[in-house]
Amino acid sequence: MLLKDLTNQEIEFAGADGPDGDSVVVISGLTADSRAVKPGFVFAAVSGAKVDGAKFIPQAVEAGAAAVLIDAERITDEVRAQAQTVSLIAAIDARKELALMAARFSGAQPERMVAVTGTAGKTSVAVFVRQIFEYAGHVSASLGTIGTVTSTGQSYGGLTTPDPVSLHEDLKQLVEDGVTHAAMEASSHGLDQHRLDGVRIVAAGFTNLGRDHMDYHATIEEYLNAKLRLFKEILPADGVIVVDPETQFADRVLAVAEERSLKIFTVGFFGDNLKLLSVEPEGFSQVLQLETSEGVFSVALPLAGDFQVSNALMAAGLAISAGVPLQIALEALTVLQGAPGRIEHVGSRENGALVFVDYAHKPEALENVLAALRPFASGRLISVFGCGGDRDTGKRALMGEISSRLADVSIVTDDNPRTEDADSIRAEIVAACPGALEIGDRALAIRQAVGMLQDGDVLCIAGKGHETGQIVGTEVLPFSDHDEARSALALAAEESGLPVSSQEGTPELSLDLSEMDLLADDGAEDNAEALDDEALDDEALLAAVKDGFKEFEVPVSGEDIDQKDADRLLSEGDTSKREELVDTGHMHKDGSDHDLDAQSTADDTLVSQEALEDEILSELEASEAGEIVADDSAQEVAQVAIDDVSQDSEPDVFVEPEIVAEPDAPSKPDLTLSVPAAVAPVNIKKALAKTLLPKSAIDKPDWTIVPHINLLDPEVKSEYEQQMIELPDIDRGPLWTLADFLEAVDGDVHGDVSSDITGISIDSRSVQKGEAYFSIKGENFDGHSFAMDAVEAGACVAVVSREKLGELPEGGRYVAVADVLKALERLGIAARARTKARIIAVTGSVGKTGTKEALRLCLSKSGFTHAPVASFNNHWGVPLTLARMHADTEFGIFEIGMNHRGEITPLVKMVRPHVAIVTTVEPVHLEAFNSVEDIARAKAEIFSGIERGGVAILNRDNRQYDLLRYLAAVAGVRNIVSFGMQPGAQSVAKKVAVNPDCSCLNASILGQEISYKIGAPGVHHVINSLGVLTGVMELGANLAFAGLALADMSAPKGRGAQSVLDVNGGTALLIDESYNANPASMKAAIKLVAELPVAKNGRRVAVLGDMLELGADTDKLHADLARELELGKIDMVYCVGTHMKVLWERLPAHSRGAYSETSDKLEKQLLSDVRPNDIVMIKGSLGTRMGPLVDALKKRFPEPAAAGES
C-alpha cells in the first residue's frame, strides 16, 4: 500500500524523493516495536510514560523502515537527523493515527461488530454476545481478556484490548476465516491509547464503573472519561448505545447519547427496550420476566446471580442492536454458558465439598464472588487469594478485610508478585485479615485448602481465573489454578482412599457474576511487551502510595492531604439500582418540630441582638444547607482543648440494658480446620485470639438471632409493644454542678454565682432560668453585648471573656474565661469524658439530620437519649450539643457537618464516637472541592475520631463506598459494616413496598431478619432506616423496639412534609422540600413524586429552585434534571433562580409552567395554576427562598379540616 493512501497527515520527506515522494513510498507493514521493523514498515515512535519511542528511530531506520510516525510537536532537528532519508509522518496524535493506519492497512473487519466497556462484566458480555450471534446462525467471535474465541475455540492470546496493529491483523484473519459478527471488550487503557480507533462498530454497551486501574488513571473522573471515548468518538453517528439507566454513571453515558443524538437501547428494571419485570431463582437458574416491544416473555437464564442478569440483558441488547431478531436473542439466553475462569466449578472432594476458580482480583469482585458462593456453603466458605505486585496497593487492605468478613477461613497466598517483595504484599493483606493463614507458595496454599475441605464446605480460589501463568520478577512461570486444584483433589482422594469425585452429577453453577467478572486489563496485559507503557513509573507510583498512607495516618489538623498522592488511592463503589441517600429530617407524629427559628422569636426593639444571635443560630441550622464559612481557629482551639481534657479521662465502661430473651439460634458450623496429617490442625478461634485485635468500643450484649422479627404482624407487634418500658420521668438533677462547670471551662467567678447549671444557651432571647449563657462572638456582633440581658432573663451565669469583663454592666453573674468558644469546647469535651453513654456520630453530604432524628426516635426506646435539637453540626453546634449532654445519658447522637476540608477532624475528636455513619457522598459544596472524591476524603475524617474498636457504617450503594472503606481501614477502623439495597451489604432490604404515606419492608440487619414500617414515604427513607437500624444494633440497643419506633416517623417542615390543600372544592397534595437541595436530593424528591398515584385530571407538578454551591458543573447539574423529570413523569415544572434557567430552556414546551428569577415573582401564577388532584412538590436550596411559596399555598388553600373553622 502506498504511503499516501495510508494517512492523511502531513508528511515530511527527508530524502531525494521530493514532494512527490509519497507516490512511490510503498508500505509493507506497521509496528510500534523497533525490534519488529522490517523493510518497508512504518515505525510508530509513540511516547509512553516510561519509554519514548523516538529513542529507537535509528534502530528502525537501520532495519529498513520506510517511514516514521511521530507527533508533529515532537519533531526536532535531532529527530530529522535520526530519520536520515526516511519520511516523517507528522501526526496530530501519533497513537490515534497508528490505529487509523492499521485499520486502512488491514482493510477487512467483520461486517457487524459491537463493543462493550465498563469495569465489570466485559468478558462475560462479549462471550454472551458471541453465543447469541452463533445461536442466530452467524459465524462469530469474541475478542478480549481470554483471547479471540471463535467456534473453533481460543485462537489468540488475551489482551482486553490488543495494540491496534495486532487488533486489525486479528480482525482481518477473522474475516478470512469466515467470521461475520464479532463482540469485543474495550478497556480504559485501549480507549485512552486510541487502540480501538478505526474499528467499525454498530453498537456499544456500558456495564458499570468501579475501582480499577488506579495505577494508570489518576482519578475516577479520568477513568470514566476514558470509558466514555467509546461513545463520544468511536461509535458512529448511526450507532446504538446499550445501557441499564440505573447503573451508576449511566447518566453520563446517556448524556453523550443525547448530545450526539444517538439511538439508545435500555435494559433492566428501568429499561424501555428489555424491561426486567421480575427475577425468580429456580435452582441454579433464574426465570426472567421481560417486557419488550413484542410482548412479555419468560426467559429461563441458566446462570445465577443478580449481576449475571445484567450481563445477559446487556448482551441481548447489543446483539439485537446488531440485527439479531428479538425473539431469537431471548431464546439464546436460555442456553448461555459462563465465561472460563468466572466462578468455574473445577471439581469436588469425595465428601461433596465444592471447589471453584474465579478471576476475582479486585475488592468488589472478591466481595461478590464470596457473597455468591455463600448460599452453597452449608459448612465453611474458604477463600484462597492474594494481590498482584507493582499494582494498586490500595486493593490489599480492602481485599483482606473482605475475605476476613465474608469467608470462614482465609488463606493469603501469592498472586503475581512481579518485582515486588511477595512477603511484603502478603503482610499488607494479612494486616487487614486477622486470623488468616499465610502460605506464600500458591500451589501449596491450594493443596492445603483442598485438604481441609469438609462436608458442606466451599472453596473459592480467587485471582487468576483462566490465566495459565504466574508473574514472578519479570518472568511468566507456568501456573494454572485449574490444574493445581484438580491435582490437589486427586491427591486428597488418594490419601483418603476414596475415588475422586467427578464433575458429572455436580451442579453446574454458572455463577460468573459480572461483578466477579472484573477483568483487569493490567493483569491480562502483563504477558505483552511493555511498548504501550500503560502504568505509571513504578518507583513514582509506589512512593506516591506510601506518601498517601503516611498522610492519612497522621491526624488531620487542617492541612490538606496532597491531592496528587491522595487521588492515587482512589476507589469506587459498585453499581446500584436504587436511589442514593437523601437528607430528609424527621419529627414525631405529634407535629413537634425542634428546628430553631430565630427570626420568629425576635424582638423588634433589639435589632443588634437579633442580628448577632440569628447569625449564630442560622449558622448552626444552615450548616447542612451549605452556608458555613470555615473557621480555622476553631480547629486549633478544639485540638488544644482535647489535649487539655481528654488525655486524663477514664476509659468508657458501659452498663448494659436488659435484653429481651430470644429463642436459641441454629448452631454455627465448626470452625476447626481439617488438614492433611502432615500439617497440624489450626483452630480459627485460637488463631484469632492470638492476633492483637482492638477491644470492641462497646461491650455489647450478645444478641440471639431469631428467625424473624415481623413487626408487620399485629400479634408480634403487640408482644414487643408490651415489652417496651416507658422511660421514667425523673428529676435527673442539674446538668452541671457549679464546681464541675468552673473546672471544665477554667473560669473564675465574678458576682453572686452559687447555683448549679441546668442548661446551656447561646441565645439570650430564649435562655431559661438556671442556664449558663455563653457570650459567643460572631463575625459582625459580639454576644457580650447581651450578657446582662441573659442574666436578667434568668441565666444563672454568663460566660464571658476576661478581656471583656471590665466593659460589662456591674451586678451581673459572670464566669470569666480566656476564650468563650474555647471554654464551650472544653465543657463539651468534659461532658464526653464523664459520660458512659454509647455515642454515635453521623456525617454525609445529605441525610445527616434525617438519620440523626431517626436515631433519636429509635434509641429513645432503649434508654435516655441525647441529640442536638436542630442541625447543630458545626464548630459551635457540636460542642454546644456535647455540653448539654447529661452525665447519665445512655445514648448520644451527634451530627457532624462540613463544607471545607479539615472541619470534621476537630469535631469528631471531641465527640469520640463508638459508631460513625456516613450516609452518602454527593456533589455538594463542590465550590470548595475539586471532585466528589475530595468530598469523600473530607467526610472520611470522621474515622479519625472513632474510639478504638469502634465501628464505621457505610452506604454500600454509594459510588464512594470503596474509597470510604479504604480510608476507614487506613484510619485504623477494623470494624466496617455496610447497608443499602446493593447485594453484599450486611444490612440490606430484601422486599420493599413504597406507599403514598409510608413504606414497609423486609430487611436483614447484620443477619437479623426484620419486617417493619416507616411512617414516611420514599426509597430514601428506606435506605436511611437500614443505616439507622445497623447503628442501633452496633450500639447494643433493642432492634425490635427501634423497628416499632420507625412507624412513628414523619418528615418535618421543609424536608418532605406533606399537606392536603383544599383547592376549588377538591384536594391537592403539597410536598414541602423547601429546606435544601442538591442533585441527589432532587433526584430522590422527583422519584418520590413519580411513585405517588395521581387521581383523575391531576398532575405531578415540580416547583424547583436553584441548587447552590455546586461549583463549575452547576449549569450541567441543573440541566441534567431534565431527564430525571422525564423519567419521573412530571407533568408541569416551575423554575426559580438563575441556574434553573438552564433547566427551563431544556424542558419541552408542554411541561413548562413558569420561570422567575426569584420565588416571590412566581407566587401569583403558581397560586392560580394549582388544580384539584394535583401533587405539588416544592424544592430548592435554602438561599432560593422556596419556603414562602409553601406558606402561600397553605394560606390560600388551607387543609380541608381547617377550612370550616372560624
Foldseek 3Di string as FASTA:
>chain_A
DFPVQLDPFDKDFLADCPPPNSVPLAADEEDCDLVPAAARYEHEQPDFQVDGSLVCLLSNVVRHYQEYEYALVPDDVVSSVSNRRHMYGHDVHSLQSSLQSLLVVLVAAAQAEEEEEEQFQRVQLQQLLLLLCVLLPFFEWEAALPAIQTPVGHDGAHFLQDASNVVSVVRSVCVVVRGRYGYGYQYLLCQVSNSCNSPAHQEYEYQAYWFFDLLFALFSVSSVVSVLCCLQPVHDLAHEYEYACQWPPVLVNVVSCVVSVYHYAYDYCLTDAWHWDDWDDDPLWIWTWTQHPVGTDIAIANADDPLVVVSLRSSLSRNVSRPRDNVSSRNSRNVDFGDFQQQFFLFAAPLGATETGHQFAALLLLLVVLLVCVVQFPFWEEEEEFHEALGQLLRQLSNLLSCLPRGLAYEYEAAAPAQHDRVVRSVSNCVQNFLYHYDHPSLVSLLFVNQQDHRRYYYYYYRQGPDQFHHDHLDTHGHDPSVSNVVSSCVNCVVVVHHTGDCPPPDRHNHSRRSNRSPHSVVSCSVDPCSNNSGNDSVVLVVLQVLQLVVLQDQFLPDDRDSSSVSSSAIWFGIDSDFAFFFFAWDFPVFDALQDDLVVLDDPVPVQLSVFVCVVSCCQFCVLLPPDDDDSVLSVLLVVLCVVPVVPFDQFDADAFDDDDDDADDDHHQQWTRGDPVDDIDRSVVSNVPDDAWDASAPFDDDGFDPEQECVPVVSVVVVVVVFDADDPDDLDAQAAPVRLCVQLVWDKDAPQHGGARAEEQRLSPADARHEHQFPCDPPGTSLVCQQSSQVRHHSEYEEAPVCVVVHDPRGIYIYHPHRLSSLSSLLLVLLSLANAAEEEEEESRHQNRLQNLLQLQCSSFFAEFEQSHSRAFSRSLSNSSNGDGRHHHYYYYYHYDLAASGRQSSLLSRQHLEYEYREQDLFLCQRPVDSLSVLVRVLSNLLRHPTNGEYEYESNYTRRSVSVSSNVSSVHSHYAYEECDPSGLKHWDDKDFALQWIWTWIAQNNHIYIAIARGGFVSVVRSVSSSLNVCVRSNGDSSSSRHSRNRIYGHALRFDWAWFCFPNAIEIETRVAAHDDLSNLLRVLQSLLPYDFDPPAFEEEEEEQHPSSHPCRLVSLLSCQVSNVSSRHQAYEYEADSNVSNQVVHDPRRYQYYYPADVVCQVSVLVPDDHRYYYYYYHRNVRPRVVSVVSRCVVTPGPVCPPPD
